[in-house]
Amino acid sequence: MQEQLETLRTTLAPYPGAYTGIVIAALLLAAWLANWLTKRVLLRGLRRLLRATPLGGAQHDHEVQLRVIPRLANVVPALVIAAGIAVVPDLPAQVVTVVRALCQAFIVLTVALSISRALDLANQVYERRPDARNKPIKGYLQVAKIIMFVLVAISIVATLVGAQFLHILTGLGAMTAVLMLIFQDTILSLVASVQISNDGRVRIGDWIEMPSQNADGDVIDIALHTITVQNWDKTITTVPTKKLISDSFKNWRGMSESGGRRIKRAIYLDQHSVRFLEAGEVSRLHRFALIDGYLGEKQRELGEWNARPEVRGAEAVNQRRVTNLGTFRAYVEQYLRHHPKIHQDMTLLVRQLQPTSEGLPLEIYCFTNDVRWAFYEGIQSDIFDHLLAILPEFGLKVFQGSSDAPLDVNLRRVDAPSHPAGPGEG
């Protein structure tokens, strides 16, 4: 082999640089062949081994093949070139040094990119775990990648300039204050991510409401610097992670986990329709099964009160009587107590609020046993549909701003013109 190379060199001696070019071409061919063999032969066995691990199962094989393995395979031709460049004849020593430095830098960068992609794949695998929402690791992995790429950048610079890695790293100590200023947001975001992960104040899938950031929807991603929220109108809002520590926001997870969603709405009644009920009206209301017991107990209580010596025989204004508003309030409470969609183990109130110029508010305060938005709105609407429709049975009216008075419209009679219409008139 050595004799053949010498013969080829002697033959190409009249052509300056020809032998060097052929050797360089052979070196490049060897690098390509090494790359091809690595991807076609050696890595196939590695892929088969990875398929038996959590990182290479059927769900992740596509990511392993297209993201991690080919990147690592690119290290092999760089190693071949770095080792073979020294045997190329007639190359200046500076060229050999530069080529070796570039190959080393390429190898370090390639390994770093492969590790970065492997970390992304590890995060994808972790997110498939049932408890991944409670303890996301994406922020930690991003910090690890930032530190890794900073060290890689220092290593590449040290390799290209021919300096020692530790010397450059030590020299950066004087730039600590500048680096802290540059990475201020990253440091604050890292602290916020750690705190959020530890106390679980925000998880993927939570419904959060943060008016200061125009965010009102589900959390779909938690990263180092930002938290992504998909609003109910399907727009996307990115909230800086540190804002969840410094600013206030509302997390609706407690509502979802409790199994009850609050209804807090009032019916505004016309105060002119509030009155006492006559005996015949009370008898007629006994047909409502929900308040039959209430009316019986109320009549007994009022009968005992009105039978007292100081009240017996007095004017009606001195006696206690049943009101249509109090009876309706009792009906609403019993209606909610017997409603299959109302959570009976949570607060349930039917109360009067301070009267306003818009009427007397009768507030319904209770919780549905279905927290899904569409079902919750349907339950709430059905309840108020029924209450508004049943109001006339109690002699009550809803107050509203528009008047029920008939509209009086006067139309002024317009006499016909005394002369025939000319062209363009009429």
Protein backbone atom coordinates (compact mmCIF):
# COMPACT_ATOMS: atom_id res chain seq x y z
CA MET A 1 0.00 0.00 0.00
CA GLN A 2 2.83 2.36 0.90
CA GLU A 3 4.59 1.56 -2.36
CA GLN A 4 1.45 2.28 -4.37
CA LEU A 5 1.07 5.66 -2.65
CA GLU A 6 4.68 6.50 -3.43
CA THR A 7 4.16 5.49 -7.07
CA LEU A 8 1.07 7.71 -7.28
CA ARG A 9 2.95 10.59 -5.72
CA THR A 10 5.80 10.21 -8.19
CA THR A 11 3.38 10.09 -11.09
CA LEU A 12 1.62 13.29 -9.99
CA ALA A 13 4.82 15.14 -9.16
CA PRO A 14 4.65 17.28 -12.37
CA TYR A 15 1.24 18.52 -11.20
CA PRO A 16 1.64 20.64 -8.05
CA GLY A 17 -1.11 20.06 -5.51
CA ALA A 18 -2.68 17.14 -7.39
CA TYR A 19 -1.54 14.52 -4.90
CA THR A 20 -2.63 16.68 -1.97
CA GLY A 21 -6.06 17.16 -3.55
CA ILE A 22 -6.46 13.42 -4.10
CA VAL A 23 -5.58 12.70 -0.49
CA ILE A 24 -8.05 15.34 0.72
CA ALA A 25 -10.75 13.86 -1.52
CA ALA A 26 -9.99 10.41 -0.16
CA LEU A 27 -10.22 11.74 3.39
CA LEU A 28 -13.60 13.32 2.67
CA LEU A 29 -14.77 10.09 1.04
CA ALA A 30 -13.66 8.14 4.10
CA ALA A 31 -15.58 10.56 6.33
CA TRP A 32 -18.73 10.17 4.24
CA LEU A 33 -18.34 6.38 4.17
CA ALA A 34 -17.93 6.34 7.98
CA ASN A 35 -21.06 8.42 8.34
CA TRP A 36 -23.00 6.14 6.01
CA LEU A 37 -21.86 2.99 7.80
CA THR A 38 -22.68 4.50 11.18
CA LYS A 39 -26.24 5.41 10.18
CA ARG A 40 -26.97 2.27 8.16
CA VAL A 41 -25.30 -0.40 10.28
CA LEU A 42 -24.37 0.58 13.79
CA LEU A 43 -27.32 2.84 14.54
CA ARG A 44 -29.87 0.29 13.39
CA GLY A 45 -28.85 -1.93 16.26
CA LEU A 46 -29.00 1.03 18.62
CA ARG A 47 -32.52 1.85 17.46
CA ARG A 48 -33.62 -1.70 18.18
CA LEU A 49 -32.23 -1.39 21.68
CA LEU A 50 -33.95 1.96 22.19
CA ARG A 51 -37.32 0.53 21.18
CA ALA A 52 -37.18 -1.66 24.27
CA THR A 53 -36.73 1.39 26.55
CA PRO A 54 -39.21 4.15 27.53
CA LEU A 55 -37.31 6.55 25.26
CA GLY A 56 -37.70 4.39 22.16
CA GLY A 57 -41.05 2.69 22.38
CA ALA A 58 -43.61 2.72 19.64
CA GLN A 59 -44.87 6.15 20.70
CA HIS A 60 -41.44 7.78 20.61
CA ASP A 61 -39.58 5.90 17.85
CA HIS A 62 -40.26 8.66 15.35
CA GLU A 63 -38.69 11.30 17.59
CA VAL A 64 -35.68 9.11 18.40
CA GLN A 65 -34.89 8.38 14.76
CA LEU A 66 -35.40 11.89 13.40
CA ARG A 67 -34.07 14.01 16.23
CA VAL A 68 -31.43 12.29 18.36
CA ILE A 69 -29.71 9.48 16.47
CA PRO A 70 -28.87 11.27 13.16
CA ARG A 71 -27.44 14.18 15.10
CA LEU A 72 -25.09 11.90 17.03
CA ALA A 73 -24.10 10.13 13.82
CA ASN A 74 -22.61 13.38 12.50
CA VAL A 75 -19.86 13.13 15.09
CA VAL A 76 -18.21 10.21 13.28
CA PRO A 77 -17.12 12.04 10.07
CA ALA A 78 -15.78 14.91 12.17
CA LEU A 79 -13.64 12.44 14.13
CA VAL A 80 -12.35 10.93 10.88
CA ILE A 81 -11.39 14.32 9.46
CA ALA A 82 -9.76 15.42 12.72
CA ALA A 83 -7.68 12.24 12.83
CA GLY A 84 -6.80 12.13 9.12
CA ILE A 85 -5.99 15.75 8.40
CA ALA A 86 -2.50 15.25 9.80
CA VAL A 87 -1.59 12.69 7.11
CA VAL A 88 -2.45 15.02 4.24
CA PRO A 89 0.92 16.00 2.70
CA ASP A 90 2.12 19.52 2.08
CA LEU A 91 -0.47 21.17 4.37
CA PRO A 92 0.75 24.04 6.57
CA ALA A 93 0.69 23.33 10.28
CA GLN A 94 -1.67 26.26 10.82
CA VAL A 95 -4.23 24.70 8.45
CA VAL A 96 -4.05 21.39 10.30
CA THR A 97 -4.52 23.17 13.63
CA VAL A 98 -7.51 25.18 12.36
CA VAL A 99 -9.20 22.13 10.82
CA ARG A 100 -8.76 20.13 14.01
CA ALA A 101 -10.13 23.02 16.08
CA LEU A 102 -13.16 23.34 13.79
CA CYS A 103 -13.79 19.59 14.00
CA GLN A 104 -13.58 19.66 17.79
CA ALA A 105 -15.95 22.64 17.94
CA PHE A 106 -18.34 20.85 15.58
CA ILE A 107 -18.24 17.71 17.72
CA VAL A 108 -18.95 19.65 20.94
CA LEU A 109 -21.83 21.56 19.31
CA THR A 110 -23.29 18.38 17.79
CA VAL A 111 -23.23 16.55 21.10
CA ALA A 112 -24.84 19.55 22.80
CA LEU A 113 -27.64 19.71 20.21
CA SER A 114 -28.22 15.97 20.62
CA ILE A 115 -28.47 16.34 24.40
CA SER A 116 -30.88 19.24 23.91
CA ARG A 117 -33.11 17.15 21.67
CA ALA A 118 -32.90 14.26 24.12
CA LEU A 119 -34.06 16.58 26.91
CA ASP A 120 -37.01 17.66 24.76
CA LEU A 121 -37.88 14.02 24.19
CA ALA A 122 -37.56 13.31 27.92
CA ASN A 123 -40.02 16.14 28.59
CA GLN A 124 -42.48 14.66 26.09
CA VAL A 125 -42.23 11.28 27.80
CA TYR A 126 -42.67 12.88 31.22
CA GLU A 127 -45.75 14.86 30.12
CA ARG A 128 -47.55 11.58 29.36
CA ARG A 129 -47.44 10.67 33.05
CA PRO A 130 -50.69 11.20 35.01
CA ASP A 131 -49.03 13.52 37.55
CA ALA A 132 -47.13 15.60 34.98
CA ARG A 133 -49.64 18.46 35.22
CA ASN A 134 -48.95 18.90 38.91
CA LYS A 135 -45.14 18.86 38.61
CA PRO A 136 -44.01 20.13 35.19
CA ILE A 137 -40.27 19.87 34.48
CA LYS A 138 -40.10 21.89 31.28
CA GLY A 139 -38.74 24.95 33.09
CA TYR A 140 -35.94 22.95 34.73
CA LEU A 141 -34.96 21.39 31.41
CA GLN A 142 -34.82 24.79 29.77
CA VAL A 143 -32.50 26.04 32.51
CA ALA A 144 -30.30 22.98 32.01
CA LYS A 145 -30.13 23.68 28.27
CA ILE A 146 -29.24 27.32 28.84
CA ILE A 147 -26.37 26.37 31.17
CA MET A 148 -25.19 23.68 28.75
CA PHE A 149 -25.13 26.01 25.73
CA VAL A 150 -23.30 28.70 27.70
CA LEU A 151 -20.60 26.17 28.61
CA VAL A 152 -20.52 24.89 25.01
CA ALA A 153 -20.08 28.43 23.70
CA ILE A 154 -17.18 28.99 26.10
CA SER A 155 -15.64 25.66 25.07
CA ILE A 156 -15.91 26.47 21.35
CA VAL A 157 -14.35 29.88 21.82
CA ALA A 158 -11.55 28.37 23.88
CA THR A 159 -10.91 25.72 21.21
CA LEU A 160 -10.85 28.19 18.32
CA VAL A 161 -8.54 30.70 20.00
CA GLY A 162 -6.31 28.02 21.48
CA ALA A 163 -6.94 28.97 25.11
CA GLN A 164 -7.68 26.86 28.15
CA PHE A 165 -11.35 26.35 29.02
CA LEU A 166 -10.80 27.04 32.72
CA HIS A 167 -8.90 30.26 31.97
CA ILE A 168 -11.81 31.67 29.98
CA LEU A 169 -14.30 30.46 32.56
CA THR A 170 -12.32 32.17 35.33
CA GLY A 171 -12.12 35.36 33.32
CA LEU A 172 -15.90 35.45 33.13
CA GLY A 173 -16.03 35.90 36.90
CA ALA A 174 -15.46 39.61 36.41
CA MET A 175 -18.49 39.72 34.12
CA THR A 176 -20.86 38.17 36.65
CA ALA A 177 -22.68 41.43 37.31
CA VAL A 178 -23.13 42.02 33.58
CA LEU A 179 -24.39 38.47 33.03
CA MET A 180 -26.85 38.80 35.91
CA LEU A 181 -28.16 41.98 34.32
CA ILE A 182 -28.47 40.30 30.93
CA PHE A 183 -30.16 37.19 32.33
CA GLN A 184 -32.26 39.04 34.87
CA ASP A 185 -35.54 37.88 33.34
CA THR A 186 -34.27 34.31 33.12
CA ILE A 187 -33.25 34.28 36.78
CA LEU A 188 -36.57 35.74 37.91
CA SER A 189 -38.45 33.31 35.70
CA LEU A 190 -36.45 30.41 37.12
CA VAL A 191 -37.33 31.42 40.68
CA ALA A 192 -40.97 31.80 39.70
CA SER A 193 -40.99 28.41 37.95
CA VAL A 194 -39.55 26.69 41.01
CA GLN A 195 -42.10 28.33 43.29
CA ILE A 196 -45.01 27.54 40.97
CA SER A 197 -43.88 23.93 40.67
CA ASN A 198 -43.48 23.52 44.43
CA ASP A 199 -46.77 25.04 45.59
CA GLY A 200 -48.81 23.95 42.56
CA ARG A 201 -50.55 27.30 42.18
CA VAL A 202 -50.80 26.82 38.40
CA ARG A 203 -50.96 23.56 36.48
CA ILE A 204 -51.53 22.64 32.86
CA GLY A 205 -55.28 22.48 32.26
CA ASP A 206 -56.17 25.05 34.95
CA TRP A 207 -58.63 27.80 34.15
CA ILE A 208 -56.99 31.07 35.24
CA GLU A 209 -58.27 34.62 35.00
CA MET A 210 -55.74 37.47 34.93
CA PRO A 211 -57.29 40.74 33.69
CA SER A 212 -53.98 42.64 33.87
CA GLN A 213 -52.58 40.33 31.16
CA ASN A 214 -55.86 39.87 29.21
CA ALA A 215 -55.79 36.18 30.07
CA ASP A 216 -58.98 34.24 30.73
CA GLY A 217 -58.87 30.58 29.74
CA ASP A 218 -57.03 27.27 30.10
CA VAL A 219 -53.29 26.93 30.72
CA ILE A 220 -51.87 24.87 27.84
CA ASP A 221 -48.13 25.22 28.46
CA ILE A 222 -45.80 26.12 31.32
CA ALA A 223 -42.30 27.10 30.20
CA LEU A 224 -39.38 28.88 31.82
CA HIS A 225 -40.17 32.41 30.70
CA THR A 226 -43.86 32.26 29.81
CA ILE A 227 -47.10 30.50 30.59
CA THR A 228 -49.39 30.05 27.59
CA VAL A 229 -53.14 30.51 28.09
CA GLN A 230 -55.77 29.67 25.48
CA ASN A 231 -58.60 32.13 26.07
CA TRP A 232 -62.24 31.21 25.66
CA ASP A 233 -62.35 33.06 22.33
CA LYS A 234 -59.56 30.69 21.16
CA THR A 235 -56.94 33.43 21.16
CA ILE A 236 -53.56 32.75 22.79
CA THR A 237 -52.09 34.86 25.57
CA THR A 238 -48.54 34.44 26.87
CA VAL A 239 -48.07 35.54 30.47
CA PRO A 240 -44.54 36.07 31.87
CA THR A 241 -43.95 33.42 34.51
CA LYS A 242 -42.76 35.99 37.03
CA LYS A 243 -46.12 37.79 36.77
CA LEU A 244 -47.80 34.85 38.49
CA ILE A 245 -45.66 35.62 41.53
CA SER A 246 -45.86 39.42 41.56
CA ASP A 247 -49.42 39.99 40.26
CA SER A 248 -52.75 38.62 41.44
CA PHE A 249 -54.79 36.17 39.39
CA LYS A 250 -57.74 33.83 39.89
CA ASN A 251 -57.42 30.07 39.50
CA TRP A 252 -60.74 28.25 39.04
CA ARG A 253 -59.26 24.84 39.81
CA GLY A 254 -60.78 24.87 43.29
CA MET A 255 -64.23 25.20 41.76
CA SER A 256 -63.63 22.27 39.42
CA GLU A 257 -62.25 20.06 42.17
CA SER A 258 -65.06 20.90 44.62
CA GLY A 259 -67.72 19.58 42.24
CA GLY A 260 -69.92 22.66 42.60
CA ARG A 261 -70.23 25.86 40.56
CA ARG A 262 -71.85 28.91 42.07
CA ILE A 263 -75.05 30.56 40.93
CA LYS A 264 -75.34 34.11 42.22
CA ARG A 265 -78.07 36.00 40.40
CA ALA A 266 -81.01 38.14 41.45
CA ILE A 267 -84.54 38.66 40.19
CA TYR A 268 -85.56 42.33 40.48
CA LEU A 269 -89.16 42.50 41.69
CA ASP A 270 -91.55 45.40 41.41
CA GLN A 271 -92.05 46.55 45.01
CA HIS A 272 -95.57 47.77 44.20
CA SER A 273 -96.60 44.13 43.68
CA VAL A 274 -95.63 43.07 47.24
CA ARG A 275 -98.76 42.63 49.41
CA PHE A 276 -100.54 40.44 51.96
CA LEU A 277 -102.33 37.32 50.76
CA GLU A 278 -106.02 36.87 51.31
CA ALA A 279 -107.36 33.68 52.88
CA GLY A 280 -108.62 32.44 49.52
CA GLU A 281 -105.25 33.02 47.91
CA VAL A 282 -103.51 31.12 50.69
CA SER A 283 -105.88 28.20 50.18
CA ARG A 284 -105.24 28.27 46.47
CA LEU A 285 -101.45 28.20 47.03
CA HIS A 286 -101.82 25.01 49.06
CA ARG A 287 -101.94 23.15 45.76
CA PHE A 288 -98.17 23.76 45.41
CA ALA A 289 -96.70 20.61 46.94
CA LEU A 290 -93.37 22.31 47.64
CA ILE A 291 -94.86 24.90 50.02
CA ASP A 292 -97.89 23.04 51.37
CA GLY A 293 -96.00 22.24 54.56
CA TYR A 294 -94.63 25.77 54.79
CA LEU A 295 -98.08 27.33 54.50
CA GLY A 296 -99.53 24.93 57.08
CA GLU A 297 -96.74 25.74 59.56
CA LYS A 298 -97.02 29.45 58.82
CA GLN A 299 -100.78 29.51 59.35
CA ARG A 300 -100.37 27.69 62.65
CA GLU A 301 -97.68 30.15 63.77
CA LEU A 302 -99.70 33.19 62.74
CA GLY A 303 -102.87 31.74 64.27
CA GLU A 304 -101.12 31.39 67.63
CA TRP A 305 -99.77 34.92 67.40
CA ASN A 306 -103.08 36.49 66.41
CA ALA A 307 -104.89 34.53 69.19
CA ARG A 308 -102.97 36.36 71.88
CA PRO A 309 -105.25 38.53 74.08
CA GLU A 310 -103.57 41.81 73.12
CA VAL A 311 -103.99 41.05 69.42
CA ARG A 312 -107.30 39.14 69.33
CA GLY A 313 -110.06 41.30 67.83
CA ALA A 314 -107.70 44.10 66.88
CA GLU A 315 -107.55 45.70 63.48
CA ALA A 316 -106.02 43.72 60.66
CA VAL A 317 -103.04 46.06 60.58
CA ASN A 318 -102.08 44.82 64.05
CA GLN A 319 -102.09 41.18 63.04
CA ARG A 320 -99.49 39.14 61.27
CA ARG A 321 -100.39 37.85 57.84
CA VAL A 322 -98.78 35.89 55.03
CA THR A 323 -97.13 37.93 52.25
CA ASN A 324 -96.82 36.92 48.66
CA LEU A 325 -93.09 37.77 48.66
CA GLY A 326 -92.33 35.65 51.74
CA THR A 327 -94.32 32.76 50.27
CA PHE A 328 -92.51 33.05 46.96
CA ARG A 329 -89.15 33.12 48.74
CA ALA A 330 -90.08 29.92 50.58
CA TYR A 331 -91.17 28.38 47.28
CA VAL A 332 -87.86 29.25 45.59
CA GLU A 333 -85.87 27.74 48.46
CA GLN A 334 -87.87 24.50 48.42
CA TYR A 335 -87.65 24.39 44.64
CA LEU A 336 -83.85 24.54 44.87
CA ARG A 337 -83.77 22.02 47.73
CA HIS A 338 -85.54 19.50 45.53
CA HIS A 339 -83.71 20.32 42.27
CA PRO A 340 -81.61 17.33 41.09
CA LYS A 341 -78.91 19.58 39.59
CA ILE A 342 -78.27 21.67 42.73
CA HIS A 343 -75.48 20.64 45.11
CA GLN A 344 -77.30 20.14 48.41
CA ASP A 345 -74.12 19.95 50.52
CA MET A 346 -73.05 23.50 49.67
CA THR A 347 -74.42 26.90 50.63
CA LEU A 348 -77.99 27.53 49.49
CA LEU A 349 -79.61 30.90 50.17
CA VAL A 350 -82.61 32.84 48.88
CA ARG A 351 -82.27 36.35 50.26
CA GLN A 352 -83.46 39.91 49.78
CA LEU A 353 -80.86 42.54 49.01
CA GLN A 354 -80.98 46.29 49.49
CA PRO A 355 -83.82 47.77 47.41
CA THR A 356 -82.65 49.94 44.53
CA SER A 357 -84.23 52.20 41.96
CA GLU A 358 -84.43 49.14 39.72
CA GLY A 359 -86.59 47.14 42.13
CA LEU A 360 -86.21 44.73 45.03
CA PRO A 361 -83.44 42.14 44.33
CA LEU A 362 -84.29 38.58 45.36
CA GLU A 363 -80.93 36.83 45.09
CA ILE A 364 -80.42 33.13 44.41
CA TYR A 365 -77.16 31.86 45.93
CA CYS A 366 -76.46 28.17 45.40
CA PHE A 367 -74.15 25.73 43.61
CA THR A 368 -74.79 23.37 40.71
CA ASN A 369 -73.44 19.83 40.90
CA ASP A 370 -72.13 20.04 37.32
CA VAL A 371 -69.13 22.35 36.82
CA ARG A 372 -69.02 22.08 33.03
CA TRP A 373 -69.63 25.50 31.54
CA ALA A 374 -72.35 24.67 29.01
CA PHE A 375 -74.27 22.44 31.44
CA TYR A 376 -73.93 25.01 34.22
CA GLU A 377 -75.40 27.75 32.02
CA GLY A 378 -78.24 25.43 31.01
CA ILE A 379 -79.10 24.60 34.62
CA GLN A 380 -79.01 28.26 35.62
CA SER A 381 -81.20 29.30 32.71
CA ASP A 382 -83.75 26.56 33.41
CA ILE A 383 -84.06 27.64 37.04
CA PHE A 384 -84.69 31.29 36.21
CA ASP A 385 -86.99 30.39 33.33
CA HIS A 386 -89.19 28.55 35.81
CA LEU A 387 -89.06 31.24 38.50
CA LEU A 388 -89.95 34.03 36.08
CA ALA A 389 -92.84 32.01 34.68
CA ILE A 390 -94.24 31.11 38.14
CA LEU A 391 -94.11 34.68 39.51
CA PRO A 392 -97.69 35.64 38.47
CA GLU A 393 -99.06 32.76 40.58
CA PHE A 394 -97.88 34.70 43.65
CA GLY A 395 -99.14 38.06 42.44
CA LEU A 396 -95.61 39.39 41.88
CA LYS A 397 -94.17 41.28 38.93
CA VAL A 398 -90.66 41.71 37.60
CA PHE A 399 -89.39 45.26 37.52
CA GLN A 400 -87.99 46.53 34.24
CA GLY A 401 -87.11 49.91 32.89
CA SER A 402 -89.49 49.92 29.93
CA SER A 403 -93.08 50.96 30.52
CA ASP A 404 -96.14 48.82 29.87
CA ALA A 405 -98.20 51.86 28.93
CA PRO A 406 -99.69 51.80 25.40
CA LEU A 407 -97.81 53.74 22.77
CA ASP A 408 -99.79 56.76 21.59
CA VAL A 409 -98.88 57.69 18.03
CA ASN A 410 -100.43 60.71 16.28
CA LEU A 411 -100.05 60.90 12.52
CA ARG A 412 -100.53 64.32 10.92
CA ARG A 413 -102.65 64.24 7.77
CA VAL A 414 -100.84 65.56 4.71
CA ASP A 415 -103.08 67.12 2.07
CA ALA A 416 -102.48 66.28 -1.59
CA PRO A 417 -100.84 69.06 -3.66
CA SER A 418 -103.24 71.42 -5.45
CA HIS A 419 -101.27 71.31 -8.70
CA PRO A 420 -100.32 68.23 -10.67
CA ALA A 421 -96.83 66.97 -10.08
CA GLY A 422 -94.33 68.09 -12.64
CA PRO A 423 -91.40 66.17 -13.96
CA GLY A 424 -89.16 65.04 -11.11
CA GLU A 425 -91.79 65.75 -8.41
CA GLY A 426 -93.92 63.41 -6.34
